[in-house]
PDB file of all heavy atoms in Angstrom:
ATOM      1  N   SER A   1     100.979 121.347 155.869  1.00  0.00           N
ATOM      2  CA  SER A   1     101.048 119.932 155.421  1.00  0.00           C
ATOM      3  C   SER A   1      99.604 119.275 155.530  1.00  0.00           C
ATOM      4  O   SER A   1      98.926 119.376 156.525  1.00  0.00           O
ATOM      5  CB  SER A   1     101.955 119.233 156.309  1.00  0.00           C
ATOM      6  OG  SER A   1     103.286 119.714 156.067  1.00  0.00           O
ATOM      7  N   LEU A   2      99.312 118.599 154.470  1.00  0.00           N
ATOM      8  CA  LEU A   2      97.974 118.016 154.422  1.00  0.00           C
ATOM      9  C   LEU A   2      97.920 116.463 154.756  1.00  0.00           C
ATOM     10  O   LEU A   2      98.789 115.813 154.311  1.00  0.00           O
ATOM     11  CB  LEU A   2      97.274 118.150 153.074  1.00  0.00           C
ATOM     12  CG  LEU A   2      97.203 119.727 152.576  1.00  0.00           C
ATOM     13  CD1 LEU A   2      96.739 119.819 151.219  1.00  0.00           C
ATOM     14  CD2 LEU A   2      96.447 120.543 153.510  1.00  0.00           C
ATOM     15  N   ALA A   3      96.958 116.096 155.468  1.00  0.00           N
ATOM     16  CA  ALA A   3      96.802 114.628 155.870  1.00  0.00           C
ATOM     17  C   ALA A   3      96.653 113.749 154.647  1.00  0.00           C
ATOM     18  O   ALA A   3      97.087 112.529 154.706  1.00  0.00           O
ATOM     19  CB  ALA A   3      95.747 114.492 156.830  1.00  0.00           C
ATOM     20  N   GLY A   4      96.069 114.243 153.592  1.00  0.00           N
ATOM     21  CA  GLY A   4      95.809 113.484 152.456  1.00  0.00           C
ATOM     22  C   GLY A   4      96.872 113.373 151.501  1.00  0.00           C
ATOM     23  O   GLY A   4      96.838 112.673 150.357  1.00  0.00           O
ATOM     24  N   GLY A   5      97.964 113.904 151.804  1.00  0.00           N
ATOM     25  CA  GLY A   5      99.177 113.849 150.981  1.00  0.00           C
ATOM     26  C   GLY A   5      99.680 112.569 150.738  1.00  0.00           C
ATOM     27  O   GLY A   5     100.089 111.899 151.666  1.00  0.00           O
ATOM     28  N   ARG A   6      99.820 112.101 149.533  1.00  0.00           N
ATOM     29  CA  ARG A   6     100.333 110.721 149.064  1.00  0.00           C
ATOM     30  C   ARG A   6     101.382 110.907 148.053  1.00  0.00           C
ATOM     31  O   ARG A   6     100.909 110.892 146.786  1.00  0.00           O
ATOM     32  CB  ARG A   6      99.174 109.839 148.649  1.00  0.00           C
ATOM     33  CG  ARG A   6      98.236 109.342 149.795  1.00  0.00           C
ATOM     34  CD  ARG A   6      98.891 108.399 150.774  1.00  0.00           C
ATOM     35  NE  ARG A   6      99.306 107.083 149.984  1.00  0.00           N
ATOM     36  CZ  ARG A   6      98.498 106.196 149.657  1.00  0.00           C
ATOM     37  NH1 ARG A   6      97.219 106.184 150.043  1.00  0.00           N
ATOM     38  NH2 ARG A   6      98.974 105.203 149.004  1.00  0.00           N
ATOM     39  N   PRO A   7     102.624 111.027 148.407  1.00  0.00           N
ATOM     40  CA  PRO A   7     103.694 111.251 147.275  1.00  0.00           C
ATOM     41  C   PRO A   7     103.555 110.185 146.144  1.00  0.00           C
ATOM     42  O   PRO A   7     103.737 110.545 144.970  1.00  0.00           O
ATOM     43  CB  PRO A   7     105.035 111.083 148.112  1.00  0.00           C
ATOM     44  CG  PRO A   7     104.562 111.551 149.545  1.00  0.00           C
ATOM     45  CD  PRO A   7     103.209 110.921 149.694  1.00  0.00           C
ATOM     46  N   ASP A   8     103.404 108.894 146.475  1.00  0.00           N
ATOM     47  CA  ASP A   8     103.368 107.953 145.520  1.00  0.00           C
ATOM     48  C   ASP A   8     102.252 108.021 144.528  1.00  0.00           C
ATOM     49  O   ASP A   8     102.477 108.014 143.335  1.00  0.00           O
ATOM     50  CB  ASP A   8     103.320 106.517 146.113  1.00  0.00           C
ATOM     51  CG  ASP A   8     102.265 106.309 147.203  1.00  0.00           C
ATOM     52  OD1 ASP A   8     101.607 107.371 147.576  1.00  0.00           O
ATOM     53  OD2 ASP A   8     101.880 105.193 147.515  1.00  0.00           O
ATOM     54  N   ARG A   9     100.943 108.073 145.017  1.00  0.00           N
ATOM     55  CA  ARG A   9      99.822 108.281 144.115  1.00  0.00           C
ATOM     56  C   ARG A   9      99.762 109.645 143.353  1.00  0.00           C
ATOM     57  O   ARG A   9      99.427 109.761 142.296  1.00  0.00           O
ATOM     58  CB  ARG A   9      98.528 108.184 144.897  1.00  0.00           C
ATOM     59  CG  ARG A   9      98.287 106.717 145.440  1.00  0.00           C
ATOM     60  CD  ARG A   9      97.222 106.565 146.450  1.00  0.00           C
ATOM     61  NE  ARG A   9      95.888 107.167 145.790  1.00  0.00           N
ATOM     62  CZ  ARG A   9      94.928 107.397 146.501  1.00  0.00           C
ATOM     63  NH1 ARG A   9      94.791 106.989 147.776  1.00  0.00           N
ATOM     64  NH2 ARG A   9      93.744 107.902 145.946  1.00  0.00           N
ATOM     65  N   HIS A  10     100.332 110.602 144.118  1.00  0.00           N
ATOM     66  CA  HIS A  10     100.468 111.948 143.526  1.00  0.00           C
ATOM     67  C   HIS A  10     101.359 112.041 142.372  1.00  0.00           C
ATOM     68  O   HIS A  10     101.135 112.499 141.250  1.00  0.00           O
ATOM     69  CB  HIS A  10     101.084 113.006 144.555  1.00  0.00           C
ATOM     70  CG  HIS A  10     100.900 114.415 144.137  1.00  0.00           C
ATOM     71  ND1 HIS A  10      99.720 115.105 144.076  1.00  0.00           N
ATOM     72  CD2 HIS A  10     101.936 115.211 143.750  1.00  0.00           C
ATOM     73  CE1 HIS A  10      99.923 116.341 143.681  1.00  0.00           C
ATOM     74  NE2 HIS A  10     101.306 116.522 143.429  1.00  0.00           N
ATOM     75  N   GLY A  11     102.654 111.370 142.474  1.00  0.00           N
ATOM     76  CA  GLY A  11     103.436 111.143 141.488  1.00  0.00           C
ATOM     77  C   GLY A  11     102.893 110.418 140.194  1.00  0.00           C
ATOM     78  O   GLY A  11     103.187 110.733 139.125  1.00  0.00           O
ATOM     79  N   GLU A  12     102.171 109.210 140.623  1.00  0.00           N
ATOM     80  CA  GLU A  12     101.528 108.560 139.416  1.00  0.00           C
ATOM     81  C   GLU A  12     100.505 109.332 138.726  1.00  0.00           C
ATOM     82  O   GLU A  12     100.481 109.290 137.425  1.00  0.00           O
ATOM     83  CB  GLU A  12     100.849 107.346 140.099  1.00  0.00           C
ATOM     84  CG  GLU A  12     101.872 106.306 140.615  1.00  0.00           C
ATOM     85  CD  GLU A  12     101.136 105.208 141.392  1.00  0.00           C
ATOM     86  OE1 GLU A  12      99.859 105.209 141.439  1.00  0.00           O
ATOM     87  OE2 GLU A  12     101.864 104.306 141.940  1.00  0.00           O
ATOM     88  N   ALA A  13      99.660 110.129 139.371  1.00  0.00           N
ATOM     89  CA  ALA A  13      98.702 111.076 138.694  1.00  0.00           C
ATOM     90  C   ALA A  13      99.473 112.017 137.892  1.00  0.00           C
ATOM     91  O   ALA A  13      99.017 112.310 136.725  1.00  0.00           O
ATOM     92  CB  ALA A  13      97.934 111.791 139.719  1.00  0.00           C
ATOM     93  N   ARG A  14     100.548 112.591 138.326  1.00  0.00           N
ATOM     94  CA  ARG A  14     101.333 113.705 137.691  1.00  0.00           C
ATOM     95  C   ARG A  14     101.831 112.984 136.302  1.00  0.00           C
ATOM     96  O   ARG A  14     101.763 113.547 135.241  1.00  0.00           O
ATOM     97  CB  ARG A  14     102.507 114.187 138.386  1.00  0.00           C
ATOM     98  CG  ARG A  14     103.308 115.227 137.687  1.00  0.00           C
ATOM     99  CD  ARG A  14     104.665 115.523 138.318  1.00  0.00           C
ATOM    100  NE  ARG A  14     104.457 115.955 139.692  1.00  0.00           N
ATOM    101  CZ  ARG A  14     104.295 117.235 140.032  1.00  0.00           C
ATOM    102  NH1 ARG A  14     104.322 118.009 139.033  1.00  0.00           N
ATOM    103  NH2 ARG A  14     104.193 117.611 141.333  1.00  0.00           N
ATOM    104  N   GLN A  15     102.371 111.824 136.423  1.00  0.00           N
ATOM    105  CA  GLN A  15     102.919 111.135 135.170  1.00  0.00           C
ATOM    106  C   GLN A  15     101.808 110.784 134.273  1.00  0.00           C
ATOM    107  O   GLN A  15     102.059 110.805 133.013  1.00  0.00           O
ATOM    108  CB  GLN A  15     103.666 109.830 135.665  1.00  0.00           C
ATOM    109  CG  GLN A  15     105.038 110.212 136.293  1.00  0.00           C
ATOM    110  CD  GLN A  15     105.939 111.111 135.445  1.00  0.00           C
ATOM    111  OE1 GLN A  15     106.071 110.805 134.278  1.00  0.00           O
ATOM    112  NE2 GLN A  15     106.555 112.110 136.078  1.00  0.00           N
ATOM    113  N   ALA A  16     100.672 110.394 134.743  1.00  0.00           N
ATOM    114  CA  ALA A  16      99.473 110.066 133.880  1.00  0.00           C
ATOM    115  C   ALA A  16      99.164 111.256 133.067  1.00  0.00           C
ATOM    116  O   ALA A  16      98.762 111.181 131.949  1.00  0.00           O
ATOM    117  CB  ALA A  16      98.358 109.389 134.748  1.00  0.00           C
ATOM    118  N   ILE A  17      99.040 112.306 133.758  1.00  0.00           N
ATOM    119  CA  ILE A  17      98.645 113.709 133.125  1.00  0.00           C
ATOM    120  C   ILE A  17      99.686 113.985 132.010  1.00  0.00           C
ATOM    121  O   ILE A  17      99.262 114.398 130.897  1.00  0.00           O
ATOM    122  CB  ILE A  17      98.478 114.707 134.122  1.00  0.00           C
ATOM    123  CG1 ILE A  17      97.398 114.513 135.146  1.00  0.00           C
ATOM    124  CG2 ILE A  17      98.226 116.147 133.459  1.00  0.00           C
ATOM    125  CD1 ILE A  17      97.316 115.377 136.311  1.00  0.00           C
ATOM    126  N   LYS A  18     100.962 113.938 132.353  1.00  0.00           N
ATOM    127  CA  LYS A  18     102.022 114.377 131.339  1.00  0.00           C
ATOM    128  C   LYS A  18     101.970 113.334 130.300  1.00  0.00           C
ATOM    129  O   LYS A  18     102.194 113.764 129.096  1.00  0.00           O
ATOM    130  CB  LYS A  18     103.325 114.421 132.017  1.00  0.00           C
ATOM    131  CG  LYS A  18     103.416 115.561 133.014  1.00  0.00           C
ATOM    132  CD  LYS A  18     104.837 115.791 133.634  1.00  0.00           C
ATOM    133  CE  LYS A  18     104.973 117.076 134.472  1.00  0.00           C
ATOM    134  NZ  LYS A  18     106.373 117.156 134.919  1.00  0.00           N
ATOM    135  N   HIS A  19     101.668 112.147 130.518  1.00  0.00           N
ATOM    136  CA  HIS A  19     101.746 111.152 129.375  1.00  0.00           C
ATOM    137  C   HIS A  19     100.575 111.402 128.377  1.00  0.00           C
ATOM    138  O   HIS A  19     100.783 111.308 127.247  1.00  0.00           O
ATOM    139  CB  HIS A  19     101.667 109.837 130.078  1.00  0.00           C
ATOM    140  CG  HIS A  19     101.433 108.658 128.969  1.00  0.00           C
ATOM    141  ND1 HIS A  19     102.509 108.205 128.195  1.00  0.00           N
ATOM    142  CD2 HIS A  19     100.403 107.865 128.676  1.00  0.00           C
ATOM    143  CE1 HIS A  19     102.156 107.290 127.406  1.00  0.00           C
ATOM    144  NE2 HIS A  19     100.857 107.032 127.617  1.00  0.00           N
ATOM    145  N   GLU A  20      99.440 111.803 129.086  1.00  0.00           N
ATOM    146  CA  GLU A  20      98.291 112.070 128.170  1.00  0.00           C
ATOM    147  C   GLU A  20      98.541 113.216 127.329  1.00  0.00           C
ATOM    148  O   GLU A  20      98.189 113.298 126.184  1.00  0.00           O
ATOM    149  CB  GLU A  20      96.979 112.173 129.039  1.00  0.00           C
ATOM    150  CG  GLU A  20      95.792 112.521 128.205  1.00  0.00           C
ATOM    151  CD  GLU A  20      95.225 111.178 127.554  1.00  0.00           C
ATOM    152  OE1 GLU A  20      95.864 110.211 127.822  1.00  0.00           O
ATOM    153  OE2 GLU A  20      94.333 111.424 126.768  1.00  0.00           O
ATOM    154  N   LEU A  21      99.206 114.211 127.933  1.00  0.00           N
ATOM    155  CA  LEU A  21      99.485 115.451 127.126  1.00  0.00           C
ATOM    156  C   LEU A  21     100.414 115.127 125.805  1.00  0.00           C
ATOM    157  O   LEU A  21     100.340 115.480 124.831  1.00  0.00           O
ATOM    158  CB  LEU A  21     100.356 116.499 127.920  1.00  0.00           C
ATOM    159  CG  LEU A  21      99.333 117.197 128.934  1.00  0.00           C
ATOM    160  CD1 LEU A  21     100.183 118.034 129.897  1.00  0.00           C
ATOM    161  CD2 LEU A  21      98.378 118.270 128.198  1.00  0.00           C
ATOM    162  N   GLU A  22     101.366 114.173 126.235  1.00  0.00           N
ATOM    163  CA  GLU A  22     102.331 113.780 125.156  1.00  0.00           C
ATOM    164  C   GLU A  22     101.876 112.763 124.079  1.00  0.00           C
ATOM    165  O   GLU A  22     102.179 112.914 122.985  1.00  0.00           O
ATOM    166  CB  GLU A  22     103.615 113.221 125.807  1.00  0.00           C
ATOM    167  CG  GLU A  22     104.420 114.228 126.752  1.00  0.00           C
ATOM    168  CD  GLU A  22     105.494 113.597 127.717  1.00  0.00           C
ATOM    169  OE1 GLU A  22     105.508 112.345 127.639  1.00  0.00           O
ATOM    170  OE2 GLU A  22     106.043 114.219 128.394  1.00  0.00           O
ATOM    171  N   ARG A  23     101.035 111.937 124.579  1.00  0.00           N
ATOM    172  CA  ARG A  23     100.450 110.855 123.905  1.00  0.00           C
ATOM    173  C   ARG A  23      99.464 111.241 122.840  1.00  0.00           C
ATOM    174  O   ARG A  23      99.366 110.766 121.746  1.00  0.00           O
ATOM    175  CB  ARG A  23      99.860 109.806 124.772  1.00  0.00           C
ATOM    176  CG  ARG A  23      99.318 108.591 123.996  1.00  0.00           C
ATOM    177  CD  ARG A  23      98.681 107.596 124.878  1.00  0.00           C
ATOM    178  NE  ARG A  23      97.416 108.135 125.485  1.00  0.00           N
ATOM    179  CZ  ARG A  23      96.166 108.077 124.886  1.00  0.00           C
ATOM    180  NH1 ARG A  23      96.136 107.562 123.712  1.00  0.00           N
ATOM    181  NH2 ARG A  23      95.194 108.474 125.392  1.00  0.00           N
ATOM    182  N   SER A  24      98.658 112.362 123.099  1.00  0.00           N
ATOM    183  CA  SER A  24      97.480 112.754 122.289  1.00  0.00           C
ATOM    184  C   SER A  24      97.804 114.174 121.980  1.00  0.00           C
ATOM    185  O   SER A  24      96.780 114.996 122.310  1.00  0.00           O
ATOM    186  CB  SER A  24      96.277 112.408 122.975  1.00  0.00           C
ATOM    187  OG  SER A  24      96.130 111.035 123.269  1.00  0.00           O
ATOM    188  N   PRO A  25      98.793 114.691 121.357  1.00  0.00           N
ATOM    189  CA  PRO A  25      98.867 116.106 121.019  1.00  0.00           C
ATOM    190  C   PRO A  25      97.795 116.596 120.169  1.00  0.00           C
ATOM    191  O   PRO A  25      97.527 117.791 120.149  1.00  0.00           O
ATOM    192  CB  PRO A  25     100.312 116.155 120.361  1.00  0.00           C
ATOM    193  CG  PRO A  25     100.526 114.840 119.763  1.00  0.00           C
ATOM    194  CD  PRO A  25      99.873 113.863 120.766  1.00  0.00           C
ATOM    195  N   SER A  26      97.204 115.749 119.241  1.00  0.00           N
ATOM    196  CA  SER A  26      96.209 116.304 118.412  1.00  0.00           C
ATOM    197  C   SER A  26      95.003 116.738 119.210  1.00  0.00           C
ATOM    198  O   SER A  26      94.178 117.418 118.629  1.00  0.00           O
ATOM    199  CB  SER A  26      95.817 115.160 117.418  1.00  0.00           C
ATOM    200  OG  SER A  26      95.351 113.936 118.065  1.00  0.00           O
ATOM    201  N   ARG A  27      94.745 116.123 120.391  1.00  0.00           N
ATOM    202  CA  ARG A  27      93.654 116.583 121.198  1.00  0.00           C
ATOM    203  C   ARG A  27      93.850 117.870 121.914  1.00  0.00           C
ATOM    204  O   ARG A  27      92.821 118.430 122.232  1.00  0.00           O
ATOM    205  CB  ARG A  27      93.338 115.424 122.198  1.00  0.00           C
ATOM    206  CG  ARG A  27      92.854 114.100 121.762  1.00  0.00           C
ATOM    207  CD  ARG A  27      92.692 113.193 122.901  1.00  0.00           C
ATOM    208  NE  ARG A  27      91.801 113.639 123.850  1.00  0.00           N
ATOM    209  CZ  ARG A  27      91.763 113.148 125.164  1.00  0.00           C
ATOM    210  NH1 ARG A  27      92.442 112.178 125.427  1.00  0.00           N
ATOM    211  NH2 ARG A  27      90.915 113.692 126.068  1.00  0.00           N
ATOM    212  N   PHE A  28      94.991 118.330 122.017  1.00  0.00           N
ATOM    213  CA  PHE A  28      95.241 119.519 122.762  1.00  0.00           C
ATOM    214  C   PHE A  28      95.915 120.559 121.767  1.00  0.00           C
ATOM    215  O   PHE A  28      97.029 120.370 121.532  1.00  0.00           O
ATOM    216  CB  PHE A  28      96.030 119.250 123.933  1.00  0.00           C
ATOM    217  CG  PHE A  28      95.624 118.158 124.778  1.00  0.00           C
ATOM    218  CD1 PHE A  28      96.300 116.842 124.876  1.00  0.00           C
ATOM    219  CD2 PHE A  28      94.349 118.145 125.455  1.00  0.00           C
ATOM    220  CE1 PHE A  28      95.921 115.809 125.507  1.00  0.00           C
ATOM    221  CE2 PHE A  28      93.872 117.064 126.116  1.00  0.00           C
ATOM    222  CZ  PHE A  28      94.555 115.959 126.199  1.00  0.00           C
ATOM    223  N   VAL A  29      95.255 121.556 121.531  1.00  0.00           N
ATOM    224  CA  VAL A  29      95.809 122.471 120.566  1.00  0.00           C
ATOM    225  C   VAL A  29      97.138 123.109 120.933  1.00  0.00           C
ATOM    226  O   VAL A  29      97.290 123.338 122.155  1.00  0.00           O
ATOM    227  CB  VAL A  29      94.745 123.632 120.262  1.00  0.00           C
ATOM    228  CG1 VAL A  29      93.518 123.118 119.490  1.00  0.00           C
ATOM    229  CG2 VAL A  29      94.329 124.304 121.546  1.00  0.00           C
ATOM    230  N   ILE A  30      98.009 123.325 120.095  1.00  0.00           N
ATOM    231  CA  ILE A  30      99.356 123.906 120.322  1.00  0.00           C
ATOM    232  C   ILE A  30      99.345 125.071 121.160  1.00  0.00           C
ATOM    233  O   ILE A  30     100.167 125.321 121.907  1.00  0.00           O
ATOM    234  CB  ILE A  30     100.172 123.835 119.083  1.00  0.00           C
ATOM    235  CG1 ILE A  30     101.663 123.933 119.396  1.00  0.00           C
ATOM    236  CG2 ILE A  30      99.761 125.040 118.180  1.00  0.00           C
ATOM    237  CD1 ILE A  30     102.150 122.722 119.988  1.00  0.00           C
ATOM    238  N   SER A  31      98.362 125.941 120.746  1.00  0.00           N
ATOM    239  CA  SER A  31      98.303 127.192 121.542  1.00  0.00           C
ATOM    240  C   SER A  31      98.103 127.011 122.978  1.00  0.00           C
ATOM    241  O   SER A  31      98.707 127.773 123.787  1.00  0.00           O
ATOM    242  CB  SER A  31      97.220 128.107 121.033  1.00  0.00           C
ATOM    243  OG  SER A  31      95.884 127.471 121.061  1.00  0.00           O
ATOM    244  N   GLU A  32      97.485 125.928 123.439  1.00  0.00           N
ATOM    245  CA  GLU A  32      97.161 125.746 124.844  1.00  0.00           C
ATOM    246  C   GLU A  32      98.450 125.166 125.464  1.00  0.00           C
ATOM    247  O   GLU A  32      98.826 125.432 126.685  1.00  0.00           O
ATOM    248  CB  GLU A  32      96.145 124.705 124.998  1.00  0.00           C
ATOM    249  CG  GLU A  32      94.705 125.301 124.722  1.00  0.00           C
ATOM    250  CD  GLU A  32      94.444 126.658 125.384  1.00  0.00           C
ATOM    251  OE1 GLU A  32      94.741 126.793 126.527  1.00  0.00           O
ATOM    252  OE2 GLU A  32      93.822 127.566 124.715  1.00  0.00           O
ATOM    253  N   LEU A  33      99.285 124.455 124.624  1.00  0.00           N
ATOM    254  CA  LEU A  33     100.504 123.982 125.160  1.00  0.00           C
ATOM    255  C   LEU A  33     101.555 125.120 125.331  1.00  0.00           C
ATOM    256  O   LEU A  33     102.316 125.213 126.284  1.00  0.00           O
ATOM    257  CB  LEU A  33     101.116 122.837 124.302  1.00  0.00           C
ATOM    258  CG  LEU A  33     100.255 121.611 124.203  1.00  0.00           C
ATOM    259  CD1 LEU A  33     100.933 120.647 123.136  1.00  0.00           C
ATOM    260  CD2 LEU A  33     100.287 120.855 125.596  1.00  0.00           C
ATOM    261  N   VAL A  34     101.511 126.087 124.495  1.00  0.00           N
ATOM    262  CA  VAL A  34     102.327 127.306 124.583  1.00  0.00           C
ATOM    263  C   VAL A  34     101.863 128.053 125.781  1.00  0.00           C
ATOM    264  O   VAL A  34     102.813 128.444 126.587  1.00  0.00           O
ATOM    265  CB  VAL A  34     102.191 128.146 123.297  1.00  0.00           C
ATOM    266  CG1 VAL A  34     102.892 129.457 123.554  1.00  0.00           C
ATOM    267  CG2 VAL A  34     102.889 127.388 122.167  1.00  0.00           C
ATOM    268  N   ARG A  35     100.554 128.162 126.146  1.00  0.00           N
ATOM    269  CA  ARG A  35     100.123 128.906 127.272  1.00  0.00           C
ATOM    270  C   ARG A  35     100.660 128.026 128.499  1.00  0.00           C
ATOM    271  O   ARG A  35     101.207 128.798 129.394  1.00  0.00           O
ATOM    272  CB  ARG A  35      98.657 128.846 127.286  1.00  0.00           C
ATOM    273  CG  ARG A  35      97.897 129.673 126.388  1.00  0.00           C
ATOM    274  CD  ARG A  35      96.404 129.443 126.560  1.00  0.00           C
ATOM    275  NE  ARG A  35      95.658 129.969 125.438  1.00  0.00           N
ATOM    276  CZ  ARG A  35      95.161 131.157 125.252  1.00  0.00           C
ATOM    277  NH1 ARG A  35      95.564 132.100 126.057  1.00  0.00           N
ATOM    278  NH2 ARG A  35      94.423 131.395 124.221  1.00  0.00           N
ATOM    279  N   HIS A  36     100.634 126.856 128.471  1.00  0.00           N
ATOM    280  CA  HIS A  36     101.076 126.049 129.655  1.00  0.00           C
ATOM    281  C   HIS A  36     102.588 126.258 129.937  1.00  0.00           C
ATOM    282  O   HIS A  36     102.971 126.465 131.065  1.00  0.00           O
ATOM    283  CB  HIS A  36     100.910 124.542 129.421  1.00  0.00           C
ATOM    284  CG  HIS A  36     101.190 123.736 130.597  1.00  0.00           C
ATOM    285  ND1 HIS A  36     100.652 123.676 131.622  1.00  0.00           N
ATOM    286  CD2 HIS A  36     102.214 122.790 130.632  1.00  0.00           C
ATOM    287  CE1 HIS A  36     101.158 122.744 132.465  1.00  0.00           C
ATOM    288  NE2 HIS A  36     102.217 122.168 131.845  1.00  0.00           N
ATOM    289  N   VAL A  37     103.405 126.340 128.874  1.00  0.00           N
ATOM    290  CA  VAL A  37     104.804 126.515 129.089  1.00  0.00           C
ATOM    291  C   VAL A  37     105.070 127.959 129.615  1.00  0.00           C
ATOM    292  O   VAL A  37     105.940 128.000 130.509  1.00  0.00           O
ATOM    293  CB  VAL A  37     105.467 126.409 127.668  1.00  0.00           C
ATOM    294  CG1 VAL A  37     106.983 126.891 127.830  1.00  0.00           C
ATOM    295  CG2 VAL A  37     105.515 124.896 127.280  1.00  0.00           C
ATOM    296  N   LEU A  38     104.356 128.897 129.101  1.00  0.00           N
ATOM    297  CA  LEU A  38     104.593 130.325 129.557  1.00  0.00           C
ATOM    298  C   LEU A  38     104.095 130.349 130.995  1.00  0.00           C
ATOM    299  O   LEU A  38     104.728 131.243 131.786  1.00  0.00           O
ATOM    300  CB  LEU A  38     103.831 131.323 128.653  1.00  0.00           C
ATOM    301  CG  LEU A  38     104.465 131.462 127.238  1.00  0.00           C
ATOM    302  CD1 LEU A  38     103.463 132.270 126.432  1.00  0.00           C
ATOM    303  CD2 LEU A  38     105.895 132.080 127.243  1.00  0.00           C
ATOM    304  N   GLU A  39     103.070 129.712 131.393  1.00  0.00           N
ATOM    305  CA  GLU A  39     102.524 129.912 132.747  1.00  0.00           C
ATOM    306  C   GLU A  39     103.434 129.184 133.855  1.00  0.00           C
ATOM    307  O   GLU A  39     103.494 129.557 134.919  1.00  0.00           O
ATOM    308  CB  GLU A  39     101.068 129.394 132.808  1.00  0.00           C
ATOM    309  CG  GLU A  39     100.069 130.326 132.077  1.00  0.00           C
ATOM    310  CD  GLU A  39      98.689 129.628 131.890  1.00  0.00           C
ATOM    311  OE1 GLU A  39      98.627 128.453 132.286  1.00  0.00           O
ATOM    312  OE2 GLU A  39      97.809 130.139 131.236  1.00  0.00           O
ATOM    313  N   THR A  40     104.083 128.054 133.379  1.00  0.00           N
ATOM    314  CA  THR A  40     104.861 127.270 134.231  1.00  0.00           C
ATOM    315  C   THR A  40     106.359 127.625 134.217  1.00  0.00           C
ATOM    316  O   THR A  40     107.113 127.101 135.012  1.00  0.00           O
ATOM    317  CB  THR A  40     104.743 125.882 134.098  1.00  0.00           C
ATOM    318  OG1 THR A  40     104.869 125.624 132.638  1.00  0.00           O
ATOM    319  CG2 THR A  40     103.279 125.325 134.282  1.00  0.00           C
ATOM    320  N   HIS A  41     106.689 128.500 133.304  1.00  0.00           N
ATOM    321  CA  HIS A  41     108.003 128.975 133.150  1.00  0.00           C
ATOM    322  C   HIS A  41     108.064 130.442 132.947  1.00  0.00           C
ATOM    323  O   HIS A  41     108.405 130.962 131.866  1.00  0.00           O
ATOM    324  CB  HIS A  41     108.819 128.263 131.817  1.00  0.00           C
ATOM    325  CG  HIS A  41     108.789 126.774 131.905  1.00  0.00           C
ATOM    326  ND1 HIS A  41     107.736 125.974 131.761  1.00  0.00           N
ATOM    327  CD2 HIS A  41     109.921 125.891 132.253  1.00  0.00           C
ATOM    328  CE1 HIS A  41     108.167 124.695 131.752  1.00  0.00           C
ATOM    329  NE2 HIS A  41     109.434 124.660 132.054  1.00  0.00           N
ATOM    330  N   PRO A  42     107.890 131.141 134.053  1.00  0.00           N
ATOM    331  CA  PRO A  42     107.668 132.636 133.826  1.00  0.00           C
ATOM    332  C   PRO A  42     108.961 133.293 133.293  1.00  0.00           C
ATOM    333  O   PRO A  42     108.752 134.392 132.823  1.00  0.00           O
ATOM    334  CB  PRO A  42     107.187 133.025 135.325  1.00  0.00           C
ATOM    335  CG  PRO A  42     107.747 131.991 136.249  1.00  0.00           C
ATOM    336  CD  PRO A  42     107.577 130.724 135.371  1.00  0.00           C
ATOM    337  N   GLN A  43     110.012 132.673 133.370  1.00  0.00           N
ATOM    338  CA  GLN A  43     111.201 133.298 132.947  1.00  0.00           C
ATOM    339  C   GLN A  43     111.274 133.390 131.459  1.00  0.00           C
ATOM    340  O   GLN A  43     112.053 134.176 130.883  1.00  0.00           O
ATOM    341  CB  GLN A  43     112.555 132.555 133.520  1.00  0.00           C
ATOM    342  CG  GLN A  43     112.734 131.143 132.813  1.00  0.00           C
ATOM    343  CD  GLN A  43     111.873 130.096 133.551  1.00  0.00           C
ATOM    344  OE1 GLN A  43     111.105 130.259 134.221  1.00  0.00           O
ATOM    345  NE2 GLN A  43     112.265 128.782 133.189  1.00  0.00           N
ATOM    346  N   LEU A  44     110.288 132.611 130.802  1.00  0.00           N
ATOM    347  CA  LEU A  44     110.282 132.659 129.318  1.00  0.00           C
ATOM    348  C   LEU A  44     109.421 133.708 128.846  1.00  0.00           C
ATOM    349  O   LEU A  44     109.358 133.940 127.524  1.00  0.00           O
ATOM    350  CB  LEU A  44     109.837 131.340 128.754  1.00  0.00           C
ATOM    351  CG  LEU A  44     110.722 130.145 129.133  1.00  0.00           C
ATOM    352  CD1 LEU A  44     110.166 128.791 128.493  1.00  0.00           C
ATOM    353  CD2 LEU A  44     112.081 130.207 128.541  1.00  0.00           C
ATOM    354  N   ILE A  45     108.701 134.323 129.639  1.00  0.00           N
ATOM    355  CA  ILE A  45     107.625 135.301 129.313  1.00  0.00           C
ATOM    356  C   ILE A  45     108.213 136.427 128.502  1.00  0.00           C
ATOM    357  O   ILE A  45     107.692 136.913 127.505  1.00  0.00           O
ATOM    358  CB  ILE A  45     106.829 135.917 130.542  1.00  0.00           C
ATOM    359  CG1 ILE A  45     105.848 134.746 130.998  1.00  0.00           C
ATOM    360  CG2 ILE A  45     106.221 137.121 130.113  1.00  0.00           C
ATOM    361  CD1 ILE A  45     105.213 135.225 132.253  1.00  0.00           C
ATOM    362  N   LYS A  46     109.479 136.926 128.855  1.00  0.00           N
ATOM    363  CA  LYS A  46     110.083 138.009 128.098  1.00  0.00           C
ATOM    364  C   LYS A  46     111.140 137.429 126.996  1.00  0.00           C
ATOM    365  O   LYS A  46     111.782 138.271 126.370  1.00  0.00           O
ATOM    366  CB  LYS A  46     110.800 138.928 129.041  1.00  0.00           C
ATOM    367  CG  LYS A  46     111.912 138.312 129.874  1.00  0.00           C
ATOM    368  CD  LYS A  46     112.516 139.258 130.705  1.00  0.00           C
ATOM    369  CE  LYS A  46     113.616 138.776 131.698  1.00  0.00           C
ATOM    370  NZ  LYS A  46     114.163 139.795 132.465  1.00  0.00           N
TER     371      LYS A  46
END
């Protein structure tokens, strides 16, 4: 457990990152989004 852990600010940063991914899909090539899905959902690899 880390002393700097801040669930509120951490959640806000997570939402900002996800919003940026969704808001500007043209900036992030679709192949990278596919990689992201496969890396974060290992059950989809097969």
